[in-house]
Amino acid sequence: MKYKIHNSHRFMFVFLTILSNLTYRLFSITYNKSTSAGEWFGLKLLIFEDQIKTR
């Protein structure tokens, strides 16, 4: 499933990644006890970042 991404879409992906990264940091600080949810979200974020880098 390969398709070309326009520059605006690429910017949106980067913006969303930064936003979700900040959200994850706030999430991990606020909900420090629930590590399983934080780890799951962090794993999803890592996969998401890898998808951006490979394009």
Protein backbone atom coordinates (compact mmCIF):
# COMPACT_ATOMS: atom_id res chain seq x y z
CA MET A 1 0.00 0.00 0.00
CA LYS A 2 2.35 2.67 -1.26
CA TYR A 3 1.13 6.08 -2.29
CA LYS A 4 2.65 9.53 -2.64
CA ILE A 5 2.07 11.97 0.16
CA HIS A 6 1.83 15.66 -0.62
CA ASN A 7 3.86 18.13 1.43
CA SER A 8 0.76 19.31 3.31
CA HIS A 9 -0.03 15.73 4.32
CA ARG A 10 3.57 15.17 5.40
CA PHE A 11 3.36 18.31 7.53
CA MET A 12 0.12 17.03 9.07
CA PHE A 13 1.79 13.70 9.89
CA VAL A 14 4.72 15.44 11.60
CA PHE A 15 2.36 17.80 13.43
CA LEU A 16 0.23 14.89 14.63
CA THR A 17 3.33 13.01 15.75
CA ILE A 18 4.58 15.97 17.80
CA LEU A 19 1.10 16.49 19.22
CA SER A 20 0.69 12.85 20.18
CA ASN A 21 4.21 12.83 21.63
CA LEU A 22 3.34 15.75 23.92
CA THR A 23 0.02 14.12 24.75
CA TYR A 24 1.83 10.89 25.61
CA ARG A 25 4.23 12.72 27.94
CA LEU A 26 1.34 14.42 29.74
CA PHE A 27 -0.47 11.09 29.80
CA SER A 28 2.50 9.26 31.32
CA ILE A 29 3.00 11.97 33.94
CA THR A 30 -0.68 12.13 34.90
CA TYR A 31 -1.40 8.39 34.76
CA ASN A 32 1.92 7.11 36.06
CA LYS A 33 0.28 4.18 37.82
CA SER A 34 -1.32 2.65 34.72
CA THR A 35 1.89 1.63 32.94
CA SER A 36 0.25 -0.90 30.65
CA ALA A 37 -1.84 1.77 28.90
CA GLY A 38 1.18 4.07 28.66
CA GLU A 39 3.36 1.33 27.19
CA TRP A 40 0.67 0.42 24.66
CA PHE A 41 0.33 4.05 23.59
CA GLY A 42 4.10 4.46 23.41
CA LEU A 43 4.39 1.35 21.24
CA LYS A 44 1.72 2.68 18.87
CA LEU A 45 3.57 6.01 18.73
CA LEU A 46 6.87 4.29 17.88
CA ILE A 47 5.20 2.34 15.06
CA PHE A 48 3.60 5.57 13.82
CA GLU A 49 6.97 7.38 13.79
CA ASP A 50 8.61 4.47 11.94
CA GLN A 51 5.91 4.67 9.28
CA ILE A 52 6.68 8.37 8.75
CA LYS A 53 10.45 7.83 8.55
CA THR A 54 10.15 5.07 5.94
CA ARG A 55 8.23 7.31 3.53
